[in-house]
Amino acid sequence: MQEIERKFLILDSPNFREDAFSRTRIVQGYLNSAPERTVRVRIRGDKGFLTIKGKSSSDGLSRYEWEREIPLFEAEELLKLSEPRKIEKYRYEIKVENHTFEVDEFLGENEGLLMAEVELNNETEEIKKPLWLGKEVTGDQRYYNSYLSKFPFKEWQTDRL
């Protein structure tokens, strides 16, 4: 139940879309967005999920994660109880050698943000970086979805990127 992942910004290029084997719309909200413990409800395509995440390690690479699929109608009802701002995005899945990168193209108040995550088996695992992969932002809390739900990307000052 330990999630180990690295996060990267995406270079301004549509190339990642051409490499994707799937694209799914995601809407998610937070029932609790405290950094020590986030509780998220998500609708991914036609499925609902409830996820609890613990506080990240000091380097941001790992944290506790518990997730269960829930009926879609329950996810829809829980979204009504979530904190005011929702995260909306398209997720592209892209296979690169032994890893699957999940590239999120954010919509709404976070439009313009393109970010990739890749899950690892351990913290020292090597990955092949595709050409469209940009700056690593692992551990930068501004790029956590729970942060983006409170402080949307469109409100950031460009000099903070």
Protein backbone atom coordinates (compact mmCIF):
# COMPACT_ATOMS: atom_id res chain seq x y z
CA MET A 1 0.00 0.00 0.00
CA GLN A 2 3.02 2.22 -0.46
CA GLU A 3 2.90 4.41 -3.56
CA ILE A 4 6.28 5.29 -5.06
CA GLU A 5 6.16 7.72 -7.98
CA ARG A 6 8.01 10.49 -9.76
CA LYS A 7 6.32 13.53 -11.33
CA PHE A 8 7.42 15.59 -14.31
CA LEU A 9 6.16 18.54 -16.29
CA ILE A 10 5.54 17.90 -19.97
CA LEU A 11 7.30 19.89 -22.66
CA ASP A 12 4.95 21.87 -24.90
CA SER A 13 4.48 19.11 -27.43
CA PRO A 14 1.56 17.01 -28.64
CA ASN A 15 3.89 14.01 -29.13
CA PHE A 16 2.79 12.31 -25.93
CA ARG A 17 -0.80 12.11 -27.27
CA GLU A 18 0.40 10.20 -30.33
CA ASP A 19 2.09 7.62 -28.07
CA ALA A 20 -0.93 7.10 -25.77
CA PHE A 21 -2.79 3.79 -25.73
CA SER A 22 -5.69 5.22 -23.71
CA ARG A 23 -7.36 8.52 -22.78
CA THR A 24 -9.87 8.87 -19.95
CA ARG A 25 -11.70 11.84 -18.46
CA ILE A 26 -11.30 12.24 -14.69
CA VAL A 27 -13.24 14.41 -12.25
CA GLN A 28 -12.16 14.36 -8.63
CA GLY A 29 -12.83 16.20 -5.42
CA TYR A 30 -11.39 16.14 -1.92
CA LEU A 31 -13.32 15.28 1.21
CA ASN A 32 -10.15 16.17 3.14
CA SER A 33 -7.10 17.84 1.59
CA ALA A 34 -4.85 18.13 4.65
CA PRO A 35 -1.26 17.15 3.68
CA GLU A 36 -1.08 14.48 6.42
CA ARG A 37 -4.15 12.70 5.07
CA THR A 38 -6.03 13.34 1.86
CA VAL A 39 -9.35 11.70 1.13
CA ARG A 40 -10.26 11.84 -2.54
CA VAL A 41 -13.31 10.77 -4.50
CA ARG A 42 -12.77 10.26 -8.21
CA ILE A 43 -14.81 9.42 -11.26
CA ARG A 44 -12.61 7.94 -13.95
CA GLY A 45 -14.61 7.25 -17.08
CA ASP A 46 -17.62 5.33 -15.82
CA LYS A 47 -16.08 4.09 -12.54
CA GLY A 48 -15.92 5.59 -9.05
CA PHE A 49 -13.01 5.41 -6.59
CA LEU A 50 -12.33 6.42 -3.00
CA THR A 51 -8.68 7.03 -2.13
CA ILE A 52 -6.89 7.86 1.10
CA LYS A 53 -3.29 9.04 0.95
CA GLY A 54 -0.90 9.66 3.82
CA LYS A 55 1.80 12.28 4.16
CA SER A 56 4.62 12.14 1.60
CA SER A 57 8.16 11.18 2.51
CA SER A 58 10.60 14.09 2.82
CA ASP A 59 11.74 13.68 -0.82
CA GLY A 60 8.15 13.33 -2.08
CA LEU A 61 8.80 9.94 -3.69
CA SER A 62 6.56 7.76 -1.55
CA ARG A 63 3.49 7.76 0.65
CA TYR A 64 0.79 5.47 1.94
CA GLU A 65 -2.12 4.98 -0.48
CA TRP A 66 -5.36 3.05 -0.02
CA GLU A 67 -7.85 2.95 -2.91
CA ARG A 68 -11.09 1.09 -3.54
CA GLU A 69 -13.51 1.10 -6.42
CA ILE A 70 -16.98 2.25 -5.35
CA PRO A 71 -20.26 2.34 -7.28
CA LEU A 72 -20.47 5.26 -9.70
CA PHE A 73 -23.62 6.70 -8.07
CA GLU A 74 -21.84 6.74 -4.67
CA ALA A 75 -18.88 8.60 -6.18
CA GLU A 76 -21.28 11.14 -7.73
CA GLU A 77 -22.97 11.67 -4.34
CA LEU A 78 -19.64 12.00 -2.50
CA LEU A 79 -18.44 14.58 -5.04
CA LYS A 80 -21.35 16.76 -3.92
CA LEU A 81 -19.83 16.74 -0.40
CA SER A 82 -16.29 17.51 -1.51
CA GLU A 83 -14.38 20.74 -1.00
CA PRO A 84 -15.45 23.54 -3.38
CA ARG A 85 -13.01 23.18 -6.29
CA LYS A 86 -12.84 20.00 -8.35
CA ILE A 87 -9.96 18.74 -10.47
CA GLU A 88 -10.88 17.92 -14.06
CA LYS A 89 -8.44 16.40 -16.50
CA TYR A 90 -7.79 13.95 -19.28
CA ARG A 91 -5.39 11.14 -18.42
CA TYR A 92 -3.31 9.57 -21.16
CA GLU A 93 -1.51 6.30 -20.53
CA ILE A 94 1.74 5.78 -22.39
CA LYS A 95 3.94 2.69 -22.29
CA VAL A 96 7.68 3.41 -22.26
CA GLU A 97 9.68 0.19 -21.97
CA ASN A 98 8.71 -1.40 -18.60
CA HIS A 99 6.80 1.61 -17.26
CA THR A 100 3.46 3.24 -17.91
CA PHE A 101 3.48 7.02 -17.73
CA GLU A 102 0.19 8.68 -16.81
CA VAL A 103 0.05 12.11 -18.42
CA ASP A 104 -2.59 14.48 -17.09
CA GLU A 105 -3.89 17.31 -19.26
CA PHE A 106 -5.67 19.55 -16.79
CA LEU A 107 -8.90 21.37 -17.63
CA GLY A 108 -10.88 24.22 -16.07
CA GLU A 109 -8.97 26.35 -13.57
CA ASN A 110 -5.84 24.23 -14.07
CA GLU A 111 -5.91 24.38 -17.87
CA GLY A 112 -2.45 24.71 -19.36
CA LEU A 113 -0.81 22.32 -16.91
CA LEU A 114 0.54 19.07 -18.37
CA MET A 115 2.09 16.66 -15.91
CA ALA A 116 3.29 13.05 -15.99
CA GLU A 117 3.55 10.52 -13.20
CA VAL A 118 5.28 7.18 -13.28
CA GLU A 119 4.95 4.58 -10.54
CA LEU A 120 8.04 2.69 -9.44
CA ASN A 121 8.70 -0.57 -7.63
CA ASN A 122 11.38 1.06 -5.47
CA GLU A 123 12.85 4.52 -4.92
CA THR A 124 16.06 3.85 -6.88
CA GLU A 125 14.44 2.28 -9.95
CA GLU A 126 15.67 3.72 -13.24
CA ILE A 127 13.29 4.93 -15.95
CA LYS A 128 13.73 5.74 -19.60
CA LYS A 129 12.70 9.35 -20.12
CA PRO A 130 10.72 10.01 -23.29
CA LEU A 131 11.54 13.15 -25.29
CA TRP A 132 8.37 14.94 -24.16
CA LEU A 133 9.29 14.64 -20.47
CA GLY A 134 10.36 17.95 -18.93
CA LYS A 135 11.42 19.22 -15.51
CA GLU A 136 11.02 16.85 -12.57
CA VAL A 137 8.65 18.18 -9.89
CA THR A 138 8.61 15.17 -7.53
CA GLY A 139 8.16 16.48 -4.00
CA ASP A 140 7.02 19.95 -5.08
CA GLN A 141 3.68 20.18 -3.28
CA ARG A 142 2.37 22.80 -5.72
CA TYR A 143 1.91 19.95 -8.20
CA TYR A 144 -0.15 17.75 -5.87
CA ASN A 145 -3.75 17.57 -7.07
CA SER A 146 -4.96 18.45 -3.56
CA TYR A 147 -2.92 21.69 -3.75
CA LEU A 148 -4.19 22.43 -7.26
CA SER A 149 -7.75 22.09 -5.98
CA LYS A 150 -7.10 24.99 -3.57
CA PHE A 151 -4.63 27.04 -5.62
CA PRO A 152 -5.39 26.47 -9.32
CA PHE A 153 -2.60 26.67 -11.87
CA LYS A 154 -4.22 29.65 -13.65
CA GLU A 155 -3.79 31.73 -10.49
CA TRP A 156 -0.05 31.10 -10.18
CA GLN A 157 2.41 33.78 -11.14
CA THR A 158 4.37 32.66 -14.18
CA ASP A 159 7.68 33.39 -12.42
CA ARG A 160 6.89 30.63 -9.87
CA LEU A 161 7.13 27.92 -12.52
